[in-house]
Structure formats: C-alpha cells, structure tokens
Amino acid sequence: MAAGRKRVAWDQTASLMATIVNANPFRDAKAKLAQPRDFHPDHAAERAEADKPLVVPLSVLVPLLVAKT
C-alpha cells in the first residue's frame, strides 16, 4: 500500500511539474512539451532506454547502400 501511495504522490507531482514547465511564458516556442514521465522517477528506466542510440552493424547496411549492377 505504501508503494501505491508513493506512486500516486509522484504522479501528481510530475503532472504539476510538467504543467508549470509548459506554462512558462519565457519558454522557447519550438521546444517540445514536457510530459509528466519526464519528471517521474519511476519512469527513469524507460527514458534511459528511449534515449539509447540504435546501433546497427555495417554488414546490415551494406546491401542497402551498394547498388547491384
């Protein structure tokens, strides 16, 4: 029950923080909108996974880039 209460508290806090950031009048108009998951510590693993670059070996790309004649 304590874990659920902690999660609900962080859900509310993260939503409030995202609202404050998005309502900032000095914010760059081209910047992407902040989402509550950007501030929620339970979603840190998801953010880290999403921020990883995609690594593809060169052997996979060669057939796509080399024209067969």
N, C-alpha and C. Protein backbone atom coordinates (compact mmCIF):
# COMPACT_ATOMS: atom_id res chain seq x y z
N MET A 1 0.81 -1.18 0.00
CA MET A 1 0.00 0.00 0.00
C MET A 1 0.87 1.26 0.00
N ALA A 2 1.99 1.17 0.67
CA ALA A 2 2.88 2.33 0.71
C ALA A 2 3.45 2.63 -0.68
N ALA A 3 3.72 1.58 -1.45
CA ALA A 3 4.26 1.78 -2.80
C ALA A 3 3.22 2.46 -3.69
N GLY A 4 1.98 2.06 -3.54
CA GLY A 4 0.91 2.69 -4.32
C GLY A 4 0.72 4.15 -3.96
N ARG A 5 0.80 4.45 -2.67
CA ARG A 5 0.66 5.83 -2.22
C ARG A 5 1.81 6.68 -2.74
N LYS A 6 3.03 6.11 -2.71
CA LYS A 6 4.20 6.84 -3.23
C LYS A 6 4.04 7.12 -4.73
N ARG A 7 3.54 6.12 -5.46
CA ARG A 7 3.37 6.29 -6.91
C ARG A 7 2.32 7.35 -7.22
N VAL A 8 1.22 7.35 -6.48
CA VAL A 8 0.18 8.36 -6.69
C VAL A 8 0.72 9.75 -6.38
N ALA A 9 1.50 9.87 -5.32
CA ALA A 9 2.07 11.18 -4.98
C ALA A 9 3.01 11.65 -6.08
N TRP A 10 3.83 10.74 -6.61
CA TRP A 10 4.74 11.13 -7.69
C TRP A 10 3.99 11.43 -8.98
N ASP A 11 2.88 10.71 -9.23
CA ASP A 11 2.06 11.01 -10.41
C ASP A 11 1.56 12.45 -10.35
N GLN A 12 1.05 12.85 -9.18
CA GLN A 12 0.53 14.20 -9.02
C GLN A 12 1.65 15.24 -9.13
N THR A 13 2.77 14.96 -8.49
CA THR A 13 3.89 15.90 -8.52
C THR A 13 4.44 16.05 -9.94
N ALA A 14 4.58 14.95 -10.65
CA ALA A 14 5.11 15.00 -12.01
C ALA A 14 4.16 15.77 -12.94
N SER A 15 2.86 15.58 -12.76
CA SER A 15 1.88 16.31 -13.57
C SER A 15 1.96 17.80 -13.29
N LEU A 16 2.08 18.15 -12.03
CA LEU A 16 2.19 19.56 -11.65
C LEU A 16 3.47 20.18 -12.21
N MET A 17 4.57 19.47 -12.13
CA MET A 17 5.84 19.99 -12.65
C MET A 17 5.78 20.19 -14.16
N ALA A 18 5.17 19.25 -14.88
CA ALA A 18 5.03 19.38 -16.33
C ALA A 18 4.16 20.57 -16.69
N THR A 19 3.09 20.78 -15.92
CA THR A 19 2.21 21.93 -16.16
C THR A 19 2.94 23.24 -15.95
N ILE A 20 3.74 23.32 -14.90
CA ILE A 20 4.49 24.55 -14.60
C ILE A 20 5.50 24.83 -15.71
N VAL A 21 6.22 23.80 -16.16
CA VAL A 21 7.21 23.99 -17.22
C VAL A 21 6.54 24.43 -18.51
N ASN A 22 5.41 23.82 -18.85
CA ASN A 22 4.72 24.15 -20.10
C ASN A 22 4.07 25.52 -20.06
N ALA A 23 3.74 26.01 -18.87
CA ALA A 23 3.09 27.31 -18.73
C ALA A 23 4.08 28.46 -18.63
N ASN A 24 5.36 28.16 -18.61
CA ASN A 24 6.39 29.19 -18.50
C ASN A 24 6.32 30.13 -19.71
N PRO A 25 6.09 31.44 -19.50
CA PRO A 25 5.97 32.36 -20.64
C PRO A 25 7.30 32.61 -21.35
N PHE A 26 8.41 32.32 -20.71
CA PHE A 26 9.72 32.56 -21.31
C PHE A 26 10.27 31.30 -21.99
N ARG A 27 9.47 30.28 -22.09
CA ARG A 27 9.86 29.02 -22.70
C ARG A 27 9.96 29.19 -24.21
N ASP A 28 10.93 28.53 -24.82
CA ASP A 28 11.10 28.58 -26.28
C ASP A 28 9.88 27.95 -26.94
N ALA A 29 9.32 28.64 -27.90
CA ALA A 29 8.10 28.17 -28.57
C ALA A 29 8.34 26.89 -29.35
N LYS A 30 9.56 26.64 -29.78
CA LYS A 30 9.86 25.46 -30.58
C LYS A 30 10.19 24.23 -29.73
N ALA A 31 10.35 24.43 -28.43
CA ALA A 31 10.70 23.32 -27.54
C ALA A 31 9.52 22.36 -27.41
N LYS A 32 9.84 21.08 -27.28
CA LYS A 32 8.77 20.10 -27.13
C LYS A 32 8.12 20.24 -25.76
N LEU A 33 6.86 19.88 -25.68
CA LEU A 33 6.14 19.99 -24.43
C LEU A 33 6.66 18.97 -23.43
N ALA A 34 6.75 19.39 -22.18
CA ALA A 34 7.18 18.48 -21.13
C ALA A 34 6.03 17.53 -20.80
N GLN A 35 6.37 16.30 -20.56
CA GLN A 35 5.39 15.28 -20.18
C GLN A 35 5.65 14.89 -18.72
N PRO A 36 4.63 14.45 -18.00
CA PRO A 36 4.85 14.02 -16.62
C PRO A 36 5.91 12.94 -16.48
N ARG A 37 6.03 12.06 -17.48
CA ARG A 37 7.04 11.00 -17.40
C ARG A 37 8.47 11.56 -17.42
N ASP A 38 8.63 12.80 -17.88
CA ASP A 38 9.96 13.42 -17.87
C ASP A 38 10.43 13.70 -16.45
N PHE A 39 9.51 13.81 -15.50
CA PHE A 39 9.85 14.16 -14.12
C PHE A 39 9.65 13.00 -13.15
N HIS A 40 8.97 11.96 -13.56
CA HIS A 40 8.61 10.85 -12.67
C HIS A 40 9.80 9.93 -12.51
N PRO A 41 10.27 9.69 -11.28
CA PRO A 41 11.46 8.84 -11.09
C PRO A 41 11.21 7.37 -11.44
N ASP A 42 9.98 6.91 -11.38
CA ASP A 42 9.70 5.51 -11.73
C ASP A 42 9.83 5.26 -13.22
N HIS A 43 9.81 6.30 -14.02
CA HIS A 43 9.92 6.16 -15.47
C HIS A 43 11.34 6.44 -15.97
N ALA A 44 12.30 6.52 -15.07
CA ALA A 44 13.67 6.82 -15.46
C ALA A 44 14.25 5.72 -16.35
N ALA A 45 13.91 4.46 -16.08
CA ALA A 45 14.43 3.36 -16.89
C ALA A 45 13.87 3.44 -18.31
N GLU A 46 12.60 3.82 -18.45
CA GLU A 46 12.01 3.96 -19.77
C GLU A 46 12.68 5.08 -20.56
N ARG A 47 12.97 6.20 -19.88
CA ARG A 47 13.64 7.32 -20.55
C ARG A 47 15.04 6.91 -20.98
N ALA A 48 15.75 6.19 -20.13
CA ALA A 48 17.12 5.77 -20.46
C ALA A 48 17.10 4.83 -21.66
N GLU A 49 16.12 3.94 -21.72
CA GLU A 49 16.02 3.02 -22.85
C GLU A 49 15.67 3.76 -24.14
N ALA A 50 14.80 4.76 -24.05
CA ALA A 50 14.39 5.51 -25.23
C ALA A 50 15.51 6.42 -25.75
N ASP A 51 16.40 6.85 -24.86
CA ASP A 51 17.47 7.75 -25.25
C ASP A 51 18.69 7.05 -25.84
N LYS A 52 18.71 5.71 -25.77
CA LYS A 52 19.85 4.97 -26.31
C LYS A 52 19.85 5.06 -27.84
N PRO A 53 21.01 5.29 -28.45
CA PRO A 53 21.06 5.31 -29.92
C PRO A 53 20.95 3.88 -30.47
N LEU A 54 20.40 3.79 -31.62
CA LEU A 54 20.26 2.50 -32.29
C LEU A 54 21.60 2.15 -32.95
N VAL A 55 22.16 1.02 -32.59
CA VAL A 55 23.44 0.59 -33.13
C VAL A 55 23.18 -0.53 -34.13
N VAL A 56 23.60 -0.30 -35.37
CA VAL A 56 23.41 -1.28 -36.44
C VAL A 56 24.77 -1.59 -37.03
N PRO A 57 25.11 -2.88 -37.16
CA PRO A 57 26.40 -3.22 -37.76
C PRO A 57 26.44 -2.82 -39.23
N LEU A 58 27.61 -2.50 -39.70
CA LEU A 58 27.79 -2.06 -41.08
C LEU A 58 27.40 -3.16 -42.08
N SER A 59 27.56 -4.41 -41.69
CA SER A 59 27.22 -5.51 -42.60
C SER A 59 25.73 -5.52 -42.95
N VAL A 60 24.91 -4.98 -42.11
CA VAL A 60 23.47 -4.91 -42.39
C VAL A 60 23.19 -3.77 -43.37
N LEU A 61 23.95 -2.71 -43.29
CA LEU A 61 23.70 -1.53 -44.13
C LEU A 61 24.29 -1.65 -45.53
N VAL A 62 25.31 -2.45 -45.70
CA VAL A 62 25.99 -2.55 -47.00
C VAL A 62 25.03 -2.96 -48.11
N PRO A 63 24.20 -3.98 -47.94
CA PRO A 63 23.27 -4.33 -49.05
C PRO A 63 22.29 -3.21 -49.38
N LEU A 64 21.99 -2.37 -48.45
CA LEU A 64 21.08 -1.28 -48.72
C LEU A 64 21.73 -0.13 -49.48
N LEU A 65 23.02 0.05 -49.25
CA LEU A 65 23.72 1.19 -49.82
C LEU A 65 24.45 0.89 -51.12
N VAL A 66 24.80 -0.36 -51.33
CA VAL A 66 25.57 -0.72 -52.52
C VAL A 66 24.59 -1.18 -53.60
N ALA A 67 24.65 -0.50 -54.75
CA ALA A 67 23.76 -0.85 -55.86
C ALA A 67 24.32 -2.05 -56.60
N LYS A 68 23.45 -3.01 -56.88
CA LYS A 68 23.86 -4.17 -57.64
C LYS A 68 23.64 -3.90 -59.12
N THR A 69 24.67 -4.14 -59.93
CA THR A 69 24.55 -3.89 -61.37
C THR A 69 24.69 -5.15 -62.16
